Amino acid sequence: MACSSAPSLSVLAALLLSLGIALVLPQLVVCVATMTHSEGLQNFDPSLSTPTLTYEYEVFVSFCGADTRTSFTAYLFAALDLVVFTKNYATSDWCLDELVKIMECKRVFNQSVLPIFYDVSQSVVLEQKGVFAEALLNGPVDKVNNWRTAMTEAASLAGFHL
């Protein structure tokens, strides 16, 4: 799956670095997620933190899992949850389920969450229009209310528009 032409993620990286925030940021295809506190630092498994999608990395942390996974590297992944909303974000049940977990960590652990609206309007996410509305109409009945609540909470936060 090829990435559409949109503002460069390096703009986001530069902006966050200017705020003193360093991060690992894959070039976006559908969604970006980080490990949450609910997964536990000592149980961090990189295979669980990313969906099976194609990514190109502008910044990539290279580390030996046995040496740093439960300390420094795990801290990098747990320090900040980035929710990158795109036009196709809501087409992925995985992304919406991850959003529910991220917002739960915000409520329970006061986790920092930064929404990024990448080539999509914040109001479209907040008001669940277009693809976001379709996800709620066509999604599994047992998950839809949690998805709706999580999207509303995340889109209500101050974030970045790219």
N, C-alpha and C. Protein backbone atom coordinates (compact mmCIF):
# COMPACT_ATOMS: atom_id res chain seq x y z
N MET A 1 0.85 -1.16 0.00
CA MET A 1 0.00 0.00 0.00
C MET A 1 0.90 1.23 0.00
N ALA A 2 0.72 2.15 -0.90
CA ALA A 2 1.56 3.34 -1.00
C ALA A 2 0.97 4.47 -0.20
N CYS A 3 1.83 5.32 0.33
CA CYS A 3 1.38 6.48 1.09
C CYS A 3 0.92 7.55 0.13
N SER A 4 -0.17 8.23 0.50
CA SER A 4 -0.63 9.34 -0.33
C SER A 4 0.25 10.55 -0.08
N SER A 5 0.24 11.47 -1.03
CA SER A 5 1.04 12.67 -0.82
C SER A 5 0.32 13.57 0.17
N ALA A 6 1.00 13.91 1.22
CA ALA A 6 0.47 14.74 2.30
C ALA A 6 1.65 15.42 2.95
N PRO A 7 1.41 16.29 3.93
CA PRO A 7 2.54 16.96 4.58
C PRO A 7 3.53 15.94 5.13
N SER A 8 4.80 16.25 5.07
CA SER A 8 5.85 15.33 5.50
C SER A 8 5.80 15.11 7.00
N LEU A 9 6.02 13.86 7.41
CA LEU A 9 6.07 13.57 8.84
C LEU A 9 7.31 14.17 9.48
N SER A 10 8.31 14.54 8.67
CA SER A 10 9.48 15.19 9.25
C SER A 10 9.11 16.55 9.82
N VAL A 11 8.05 17.17 9.29
CA VAL A 11 7.56 18.43 9.86
C VAL A 11 7.08 18.19 11.28
N LEU A 12 6.33 17.10 11.48
CA LEU A 12 5.87 16.74 12.81
C LEU A 12 7.05 16.45 13.73
N ALA A 13 8.01 15.67 13.24
CA ALA A 13 9.18 15.33 14.05
C ALA A 13 9.92 16.58 14.48
N ALA A 14 10.11 17.52 13.56
CA ALA A 14 10.81 18.77 13.88
C ALA A 14 10.03 19.57 14.92
N LEU A 15 8.70 19.61 14.78
CA LEU A 15 7.87 20.34 15.72
C LEU A 15 7.98 19.74 17.12
N LEU A 16 7.86 18.42 17.22
CA LEU A 16 7.96 17.77 18.52
C LEU A 16 9.35 17.91 19.12
N LEU A 17 10.38 17.81 18.29
CA LEU A 17 11.74 17.99 18.80
C LEU A 17 11.94 19.40 19.33
N SER A 18 11.30 20.39 18.69
CA SER A 18 11.41 21.77 19.18
C SER A 18 10.75 21.92 20.55
N LEU A 19 9.80 21.02 20.87
CA LEU A 19 9.15 21.01 22.17
C LEU A 19 9.90 20.14 23.17
N GLY A 20 11.03 19.57 22.74
CA GLY A 20 11.82 18.72 23.62
C GLY A 20 11.33 17.28 23.66
N ILE A 21 10.56 16.86 22.67
CA ILE A 21 10.03 15.51 22.64
C ILE A 21 10.71 14.74 21.51
N ALA A 22 11.39 13.67 21.85
CA ALA A 22 11.99 12.80 20.84
C ALA A 22 11.07 11.60 20.67
N LEU A 23 10.99 11.07 19.48
CA LEU A 23 10.06 9.98 19.25
C LEU A 23 10.49 9.08 18.12
N VAL A 24 9.86 7.92 18.08
CA VAL A 24 9.98 6.99 16.97
C VAL A 24 8.71 7.19 16.16
N LEU A 25 8.86 7.48 14.87
CA LEU A 25 7.68 7.81 14.08
C LEU A 25 7.72 7.12 12.74
N PRO A 26 6.92 6.06 12.55
CA PRO A 26 6.89 5.44 11.23
C PRO A 26 6.14 6.32 10.23
N GLN A 27 6.56 6.26 8.98
CA GLN A 27 5.84 6.97 7.91
C GLN A 27 4.45 6.34 7.87
N LEU A 28 3.44 7.15 7.95
CA LEU A 28 2.08 6.69 8.14
C LEU A 28 1.49 6.00 6.92
N VAL A 29 0.88 4.87 7.14
CA VAL A 29 0.08 4.22 6.12
C VAL A 29 -1.38 4.24 6.58
N VAL A 30 -1.69 3.63 7.70
CA VAL A 30 -3.04 3.66 8.24
C VAL A 30 -3.06 4.26 9.63
N CYS A 31 -2.21 3.79 10.51
CA CYS A 31 -2.22 4.34 11.86
C CYS A 31 -0.85 4.17 12.50
N VAL A 32 -0.63 4.93 13.55
CA VAL A 32 0.58 4.83 14.34
C VAL A 32 0.14 4.64 15.77
N ALA A 33 0.75 3.72 16.47
CA ALA A 33 0.42 3.52 17.88
C ALA A 33 1.70 3.24 18.63
N THR A 34 1.70 3.56 19.92
CA THR A 34 2.84 3.25 20.76
C THR A 34 2.39 2.28 21.83
N MET A 35 3.34 1.68 22.53
CA MET A 35 2.99 0.81 23.62
C MET A 35 2.30 1.62 24.70
N THR A 36 1.31 1.06 25.37
CA THR A 36 0.60 1.75 26.43
C THR A 36 0.96 1.12 27.77
N HIS A 37 0.67 1.84 28.86
CA HIS A 37 0.97 1.32 30.19
C HIS A 37 0.25 0.00 30.46
N SER A 38 -0.92 -0.20 29.87
CA SER A 38 -1.66 -1.43 30.13
C SER A 38 -0.90 -2.67 29.66
N GLU A 39 0.01 -2.50 28.71
CA GLU A 39 0.80 -3.63 28.23
C GLU A 39 1.97 -3.92 29.17
N GLY A 40 2.35 -2.96 29.99
CA GLY A 40 3.42 -3.16 30.95
C GLY A 40 4.79 -3.02 30.33
N LEU A 41 5.66 -2.29 31.01
CA LEU A 41 7.00 -2.06 30.49
C LEU A 41 7.80 -3.36 30.39
N GLN A 42 7.70 -4.22 31.41
CA GLN A 42 8.50 -5.43 31.37
C GLN A 42 7.98 -6.46 30.38
N ASN A 43 6.76 -6.30 29.90
CA ASN A 43 6.19 -7.24 28.94
C ASN A 43 6.16 -6.67 27.53
N PHE A 44 6.94 -5.64 27.26
CA PHE A 44 6.89 -4.99 25.95
C PHE A 44 7.30 -5.96 24.86
N ASP A 45 6.49 -6.04 23.84
CA ASP A 45 6.77 -6.90 22.69
C ASP A 45 6.52 -6.06 21.45
N PRO A 46 7.57 -5.68 20.70
CA PRO A 46 7.38 -4.82 19.54
C PRO A 46 6.43 -5.40 18.51
N SER A 47 6.30 -6.71 18.46
CA SER A 47 5.39 -7.30 17.47
C SER A 47 3.94 -6.99 17.80
N LEU A 48 3.65 -6.64 19.06
CA LEU A 48 2.28 -6.30 19.45
C LEU A 48 2.00 -4.81 19.31
N SER A 49 3.03 -4.01 19.12
CA SER A 49 2.83 -2.56 19.12
C SER A 49 2.58 -1.99 17.73
N THR A 50 2.69 -2.81 16.69
CA THR A 50 2.43 -2.31 15.34
C THR A 50 1.56 -3.29 14.58
N PRO A 51 0.65 -2.80 13.78
CA PRO A 51 -0.16 -3.70 12.96
C PRO A 51 0.68 -4.28 11.84
N THR A 52 0.16 -5.25 11.16
CA THR A 52 0.88 -5.84 10.04
C THR A 52 0.62 -5.00 8.79
N LEU A 53 1.28 -3.87 8.72
CA LEU A 53 1.15 -2.94 7.61
C LEU A 53 2.54 -2.62 7.09
N THR A 54 2.61 -1.96 5.96
CA THR A 54 3.89 -1.56 5.40
C THR A 54 4.27 -0.19 5.93
N TYR A 55 5.46 -0.07 6.49
CA TYR A 55 5.95 1.20 7.02
C TYR A 55 7.28 1.56 6.38
N GLU A 56 7.51 2.84 6.23
CA GLU A 56 8.81 3.37 5.89
C GLU A 56 9.17 4.30 7.04
N TYR A 57 10.37 4.19 7.59
CA TYR A 57 10.73 4.95 8.77
C TYR A 57 11.58 6.17 8.43
N GLU A 58 11.19 7.32 8.98
CA GLU A 58 12.04 8.50 8.92
C GLU A 58 12.97 8.50 10.13
N VAL A 59 12.46 7.99 11.26
CA VAL A 59 13.25 7.85 12.48
C VAL A 59 12.98 6.44 12.99
N PHE A 60 14.03 5.72 13.31
CA PHE A 60 13.86 4.35 13.78
C PHE A 60 14.86 4.10 14.90
N VAL A 61 14.38 3.63 16.05
CA VAL A 61 15.26 3.32 17.17
C VAL A 61 15.75 1.89 16.98
N SER A 62 17.06 1.74 16.86
CA SER A 62 17.67 0.43 16.73
C SER A 62 18.25 0.04 18.08
N PHE A 63 17.85 -1.12 18.59
CA PHE A 63 18.33 -1.53 19.90
C PHE A 63 18.34 -3.04 20.00
N CYS A 64 19.10 -3.54 20.95
CA CYS A 64 19.12 -4.97 21.23
C CYS A 64 18.08 -5.22 22.32
N GLY A 65 17.02 -5.91 22.00
CA GLY A 65 15.90 -6.10 22.91
C GLY A 65 16.29 -6.60 24.29
N ALA A 66 17.20 -7.56 24.35
CA ALA A 66 17.60 -8.12 25.63
C ALA A 66 18.30 -7.09 26.51
N ASP A 67 18.99 -6.13 25.88
CA ASP A 67 19.75 -5.14 26.64
C ASP A 67 18.91 -3.99 27.17
N THR A 68 17.94 -3.52 26.39
CA THR A 68 17.26 -2.28 26.77
C THR A 68 15.74 -2.37 26.79
N ARG A 69 15.16 -3.46 26.38
CA ARG A 69 13.71 -3.55 26.22
C ARG A 69 12.94 -3.18 27.49
N THR A 70 13.43 -3.57 28.67
CA THR A 70 12.69 -3.31 29.90
C THR A 70 13.11 -2.03 30.60
N SER A 71 13.95 -1.24 29.96
CA SER A 71 14.36 0.00 30.62
C SER A 71 14.24 1.17 29.66
N PHE A 72 15.34 1.60 29.11
CA PHE A 72 15.39 2.82 28.31
C PHE A 72 14.46 2.78 27.10
N THR A 73 14.53 1.75 26.30
CA THR A 73 13.72 1.69 25.08
C THR A 73 12.24 1.59 25.42
N ALA A 74 11.92 0.80 26.43
CA ALA A 74 10.52 0.70 26.85
C ALA A 74 10.00 2.06 27.30
N TYR A 75 10.85 2.83 27.98
CA TYR A 75 10.44 4.17 28.40
C TYR A 75 10.13 5.05 27.19
N LEU A 76 10.96 4.97 26.15
CA LEU A 76 10.70 5.77 24.94
C LEU A 76 9.32 5.46 24.36
N PHE A 77 8.97 4.17 24.31
CA PHE A 77 7.69 3.78 23.74
C PHE A 77 6.52 4.12 24.66
N ALA A 78 6.76 4.21 25.98
CA ALA A 78 5.67 4.44 26.93
C ALA A 78 5.50 5.91 27.32
N ALA A 79 6.43 6.77 26.98
CA ALA A 79 6.40 8.16 27.44
C ALA A 79 5.27 8.97 26.86
N LEU A 80 4.85 8.67 25.66
CA LEU A 80 3.86 9.49 24.98
C LEU A 80 3.08 8.63 24.01
N ASP A 81 1.77 8.78 24.03
CA ASP A 81 0.94 8.08 23.05
C ASP A 81 0.56 9.06 21.95
N LEU A 82 0.98 8.77 20.75
CA LEU A 82 0.60 9.57 19.58
C LEU A 82 -0.55 8.86 18.89
N VAL A 83 -1.61 9.59 18.63
CA VAL A 83 -2.73 9.06 17.86
C VAL A 83 -2.75 9.85 16.57
N VAL A 84 -2.40 9.22 15.47
CA VAL A 84 -2.33 9.90 14.19
C VAL A 84 -3.59 9.54 13.40
N PHE A 85 -4.54 10.47 13.39
CA PHE A 85 -5.77 10.26 12.64
C PHE A 85 -5.52 10.59 11.17
N THR A 86 -5.92 9.69 10.30
CA THR A 86 -5.82 9.89 8.86
C THR A 86 -7.19 9.64 8.25
N LYS A 87 -7.30 9.86 6.97
CA LYS A 87 -8.57 9.61 6.28
C LYS A 87 -8.99 8.15 6.39
N ASN A 88 -8.01 7.25 6.46
CA ASN A 88 -8.30 5.81 6.50
C ASN A 88 -8.23 5.20 7.89
N TYR A 89 -7.99 6.01 8.90
CA TYR A 89 -7.79 5.50 10.26
C TYR A 89 -8.93 4.58 10.70
N ALA A 90 -10.16 5.02 10.50
CA ALA A 90 -11.32 4.28 11.00
C ALA A 90 -11.63 3.02 10.19
N THR A 91 -10.91 2.77 9.11
CA THR A 91 -11.13 1.54 8.35
C THR A 91 -10.43 0.35 9.01
N SER A 92 -9.65 0.62 10.03
CA SER A 92 -8.89 -0.42 10.71
C SER A 92 -9.45 -0.68 12.11
N ASP A 93 -10.03 -1.86 12.31
CA ASP A 93 -10.49 -2.25 13.65
C ASP A 93 -9.32 -2.23 14.63
N TRP A 94 -8.13 -2.63 14.16
CA TRP A 94 -6.95 -2.66 15.02
C TRP A 94 -6.66 -1.26 15.56
N CYS A 95 -6.70 -0.25 14.69
CA CYS A 95 -6.42 1.12 15.12
C CYS A 95 -7.46 1.59 16.12
N LEU A 96 -8.72 1.30 15.87
CA LEU A 96 -9.78 1.74 16.77
C LEU A 96 -9.70 1.02 18.11
N ASP A 97 -9.36 -0.26 18.11
CA ASP A 97 -9.18 -0.99 19.37
C ASP A 97 -8.00 -0.41 20.15
N GLU A 98 -6.92 -0.09 19.45
CA GLU A 98 -5.74 0.50 20.09
C GLU A 98 -6.09 1.87 20.67
N LEU A 99 -6.89 2.64 19.97
CA LEU A 99 -7.33 3.95 20.46
C LEU A 99 -8.10 3.80 21.77
N VAL A 100 -8.95 2.81 21.86
CA VAL A 100 -9.69 2.55 23.10
C VAL A 100 -8.71 2.30 24.24
N LYS A 101 -7.67 1.48 24.00
CA LYS A 101 -6.66 1.19 25.03
C LYS A 101 -5.89 2.44 25.42
N ILE A 102 -5.52 3.24 24.43
CA ILE A 102 -4.76 4.46 24.69
C ILE A 102 -5.57 5.42 25.56
N MET A 103 -6.84 5.60 25.23
CA MET A 103 -7.67 6.53 26.00
C MET A 103 -7.95 5.99 27.40
N GLU A 104 -8.00 4.68 27.55
CA GLU A 104 -8.14 4.07 28.87
C GLU A 104 -6.89 4.38 29.71
N CYS A 105 -5.72 4.30 29.11
CA CYS A 105 -4.48 4.63 29.82
C CYS A 105 -4.44 6.10 30.21
N LYS A 106 -5.00 6.95 29.39
CA LYS A 106 -5.07 8.38 29.73
C LYS A 106 -5.92 8.56 30.98
N ARG A 107 -7.07 7.88 31.03
CA ARG A 107 -7.96 8.02 32.19
C ARG A 107 -7.36 7.38 33.44
N VAL A 108 -6.84 6.17 33.33
CA VAL A 108 -6.39 5.41 34.50
C VAL A 108 -5.01 5.85 34.98
N PHE A 109 -4.07 6.06 34.06
CA PHE A 109 -2.68 6.36 34.42
C PHE A 109 -2.28 7.80 34.15
N ASN A 110 -3.23 8.62 33.70
CA ASN A 110 -2.93 10.00 33.32
C ASN A 110 -1.85 10.05 32.24
N GLN A 111 -1.89 9.08 31.34
CA GLN A 111 -0.94 8.99 30.22
C GLN A 111 -1.10 10.21 29.30
N SER A 112 -0.01 10.73 28.80
CA SER A 112 -0.05 11.85 27.85
C SER A 112 -0.46 11.33 26.48
N VAL A 113 -1.45 11.98 25.89
CA VAL A 113 -1.94 11.60 24.56
C VAL A 113 -1.89 12.83 23.67
N LEU A 114 -1.30 12.69 22.51
CA LEU A 114 -1.21 13.78 21.55
C LEU A 114 -1.86 13.35 20.24
N PRO A 115 -3.05 13.91 19.94
CA PRO A 115 -3.67 13.58 18.66
C PRO A 115 -3.05 14.40 17.53
N ILE A 116 -2.86 13.76 16.41
CA ILE A 116 -2.33 14.43 15.22
C ILE A 116 -3.34 14.17 14.10
N PHE A 117 -3.80 15.23 13.50
CA PHE A 117 -4.80 15.14 12.43
C PHE A 117 -4.05 15.32 11.12
N TYR A 118 -3.73 14.19 10.49
CA TYR A 118 -2.88 14.14 9.33
C TYR A 118 -3.73 14.07 8.07
N ASP A 119 -3.90 15.21 7.44
CA ASP A 119 -4.68 15.30 6.20
C ASP A 119 -6.16 14.93 6.42
N VAL A 120 -6.64 15.18 7.65
CA VAL A 120 -8.05 14.99 7.99
C VAL A 120 -8.42 16.05 9.02
N SER A 121 -9.63 16.55 8.95
CA SER A 121 -10.09 17.60 9.85
C SER A 121 -10.42 17.04 11.24
N GLN A 122 -10.07 17.79 12.27
CA GLN A 122 -10.39 17.39 13.63
C GLN A 122 -11.90 17.24 13.80
N SER A 123 -12.68 18.12 13.18
CA SER A 123 -14.13 18.06 13.31
C SER A 123 -14.71 16.78 12.70
N VAL A 124 -14.09 16.26 11.65
CA VAL A 124 -14.56 15.01 11.03
C VAL A 124 -14.43 13.86 12.02
N VAL A 125 -13.33 13.85 12.78
CA VAL A 125 -13.12 12.80 13.78
C VAL A 125 -14.05 13.04 14.97
N LEU A 126 -14.08 14.26 15.46
CA LEU A 126 -14.88 14.60 16.64
C LEU A 126 -16.37 14.32 16.41
N GLU A 127 -16.86 14.69 15.24
CA GLU A 127 -18.28 14.51 14.93
C GLU A 127 -18.55 13.18 14.22
N GLN A 128 -17.50 12.40 14.02
CA GLN A 128 -17.57 11.08 13.39
C GLN A 128 -18.37 11.13 12.08
N LYS A 129 -17.79 11.82 11.13
CA LYS A 129 -18.37 11.94 9.80
C LYS A 129 -17.60 11.07 8.82
N GLY A 130 -18.18 10.82 7.65
CA GLY A 130 -17.49 10.10 6.58
C GLY A 130 -17.09 8.70 6.99
N VAL A 131 -15.81 8.36 6.77
CA VAL A 131 -15.29 7.02 7.09
C VAL A 131 -15.44 6.72 8.57
N PHE A 132 -15.34 7.75 9.41
CA PHE A 132 -15.46 7.55 10.85
C PHE A 132 -16.89 7.14 11.21
N ALA A 133 -17.88 7.71 10.54
CA ALA A 133 -19.28 7.31 10.74
C ALA A 133 -19.52 5.89 10.23
N GLU A 134 -18.93 5.58 9.07
CA GLU A 134 -19.09 4.24 8.49
C GLU A 134 -18.55 3.16 9.41
N ALA A 135 -17.43 3.44 10.07
CA ALA A 135 -16.84 2.46 10.99
C ALA A 135 -17.80 2.15 12.12
N LEU A 136 -18.49 3.18 12.59
CA LEU A 136 -19.42 2.98 13.69
C LEU A 136 -20.69 2.27 13.23
N LEU A 137 -21.09 2.52 12.00
CA LEU A 137 -22.29 1.85 11.46
C LEU A 137 -22.03 0.39 11.13
N ASN A 138 -20.81 0.10 10.64
CA ASN A 138 -20.49 -1.24 10.16
C ASN A 138 -19.65 -2.06 11.13
N GLY A 139 -19.26 -1.47 12.25
CA GLY A 139 -18.38 -2.15 13.18
C GLY A 139 -19.11 -3.17 14.04
N PRO A 140 -18.34 -4.01 14.73
CA PRO A 140 -18.93 -5.01 15.63
C PRO A 140 -19.73 -4.30 16.74
N VAL A 141 -20.93 -4.75 16.97
CA VAL A 141 -21.84 -4.11 17.92
C VAL A 141 -21.21 -3.96 19.30
N ASP A 142 -20.44 -4.97 19.73
CA ASP A 142 -19.85 -4.93 21.07
C ASP A 142 -18.70 -3.93 21.19
N LYS A 143 -18.21 -3.38 20.10
CA LYS A 143 -17.07 -2.45 20.14
C LYS A 143 -17.44 -1.01 19.79
N VAL A 144 -18.54 -0.81 19.11
CA VAL A 144 -18.86 0.50 18.53
C VAL A 144 -18.95 1.61 19.58
N ASN A 145 -19.60 1.36 20.72
CA ASN A 145 -19.71 2.41 21.74
C ASN A 145 -18.35 2.81 22.29
N ASN A 146 -17.47 1.83 22.50
CA ASN A 146 -16.12 2.14 22.98
C ASN A 146 -15.35 2.94 21.94
N TRP A 147 -15.48 2.58 20.66
CA TRP A 147 -14.81 3.32 19.58
C TRP A 147 -15.30 4.76 19.55
N ARG A 148 -16.64 4.94 19.63
CA ARG A 148 -17.23 6.28 19.58
C ARG A 148 -16.69 7.15 20.72
N THR A 149 -16.71 6.60 21.93
CA THR A 149 -16.22 7.33 23.10
C THR A 149 -14.75 7.69 22.95
N ALA A 150 -13.94 6.73 22.52
CA ALA A 150 -12.50 6.97 22.38
C ALA A 150 -12.21 8.02 21.31
N MET A 151 -12.90 7.96 20.17
CA MET A 151 -12.70 8.96 19.11
C MET A 151 -13.09 10.35 19.61
N THR A 152 -14.21 10.45 20.32
CA THR A 152 -14.66 11.74 20.84
C THR A 152 -13.65 12.30 21.84
N GLU A 153 -13.19 11.46 22.77
CA GLU A 153 -12.22 11.90 23.77
C GLU A 153 -10.92 12.35 23.12
N ALA A 154 -10.39 11.55 22.22
CA ALA A 154 -9.11 11.87 21.59
C ALA A 154 -9.21 13.12 20.72
N ALA A 155 -10.28 13.24 19.96
CA ALA A 155 -10.43 14.40 19.06
C ALA A 155 -10.76 15.67 19.83
N SER A 156 -11.14 15.54 21.10
CA SER A 156 -11.41 16.72 21.94
C SER A 156 -10.13 17.30 22.54
N LEU A 157 -9.04 16.56 22.47
CA LEU A 157 -7.76 17.02 23.02
C LEU A 157 -7.09 18.01 22.06
N ALA A 158 -6.29 18.89 22.62
CA ALA A 158 -5.47 19.77 21.78
C ALA A 158 -4.44 18.91 21.07
N GLY A 159 -4.27 19.16 19.78
CA GLY A 159 -3.33 18.37 19.00
C GLY A 159 -2.73 19.16 17.87
N PHE A 160 -2.17 18.46 16.91
CA PHE A 160 -1.53 19.08 15.75
C PHE A 160 -2.31 18.75 14.49
N HIS A 161 -2.33 19.71 13.57
CA HIS A 161 -3.00 19.54 12.29
C HIS A 161 -1.95 19.61 11.19
N LEU A 162 -1.80 18.54 10.44
CA LEU A 162 -0.82 18.49 9.35
C LEU A 162 -1.52 18.21 8.04
